[in-house]
Amino acid sequence: MLPVLLLAAVTTASLVTPHASDLGFLLGAIPPLAVLSYGPLATAVLGVGVVVVLHLPATHLNRPGNTDLLTIVFVAVLSVFVSYVRSHRDAQLDTERAIGEAVQQAVMPPLPVRVAGIGCTGFYRAAQNGTLVGGDFFDVREGPRGVRAVMGDVQGHGLSAMATVVSLLGAFREAALDQPDLESVAARMDRRLGLDSAAVRHGELFATGMLLEFSPDARVMRVVACGHPAPVLLRDGQAREVTVPPGAPFGLGLADVGPPKEVAVPLGPGDRLFLASDGVWEARNPADAFYPLTERLAAMTGTASTELPDAVWADLLGLRYEVRDDATMLVLAPGAPPA
């Protein structure tokens, strides 16, 4: 609206008083300003309007000479061309963004509200501006041995990590159906990433991951950690990290040397699991202190599962913590849905 308001303001002032004749130079800025907001047709109309206003006797504006008039016309024509290029580029960007959204839906489709009795709530914020998919990933799948979930963090972030995310999610989704235990699922994902890294010259791909499995009756959870922060158990108004033996990240070739160990955690009614990526755990405040996720979660145990990730994100930003990596959160609530 600025170009239109500027044209109206200068025209009105010049009609009201002859002392406003010195404002005519402002009209030359209208076509370039129109490029920022309008298409080529509207830019051309504003350019013609500038030339008309300059030549109206009633405006008392200094009539431009031939050289000045040619300059104004040239600027207007050039602005129309730039506006056309910008409009074409914006349409291209809209198409690319639509493709990016389709890719995100294909790679990480929205989690269902429940997967075989396990309530699911996911949260994702990519660190790289303008991207929808980064280096973090999560998924929840039902299999013959219960519900299995994964959260991982690939080396790097942004579009460069997307191929690795796709590869690891594919390996997990197959292994979740075929493998007898989580340790075998972790081995399958480690092998997949190792093969991908070997196919890349000077490839040093690795990823951290956390694997969970819920028994069919949702009374026992099994956990395997591969270099990823442990899940936080929310129980009876308290929050505590689940003790899990640390295993090597995927892709380092250490699975045979020190394979990750599976632990079983009994679950009770109302228990919930909160998983977060390094982007949340390692967020720093101006004093360079890490975000105390477990402590802050203890104060949010009364928050509904579907609202918990947004509450943590709002708390993190409200306390002025800086997120330097992809931020991912996943809440898993075993048991019957609330009334």
Foldseek 3Di string as FASTA:
>chain_A
DVLVVLLVVLQVVLLVDLVSQVVLVVLLCSLLVCLVPDALVVSLVSLVSSLVSLPDVSSNHDNDDPVVVVVSVVSSVVSSVSSNVVVVVVVVLVVVVVVQVVVCCVLANDADCDDLQKGKAKDWDFQDPPHDFWQWDKDWHAEPFAIKIKIKGKPGMDPVNVVLSSQLVVLLVVCVHPPPDVLVSQVSSLVSLQVVQVVDVVRQIWMWMKMWGAGSQRFKIKIWTAPWFAKWKQDDLAIDGDDFPYHHIRNPPCCVVPGTDMDMDTDDAPIKIKGKGCLQQCFAAPVNDGDPVRVVVSVVSVPDQNCVVVVSVCVCVVRRTHRNGMIMMMMIHGHHDDD
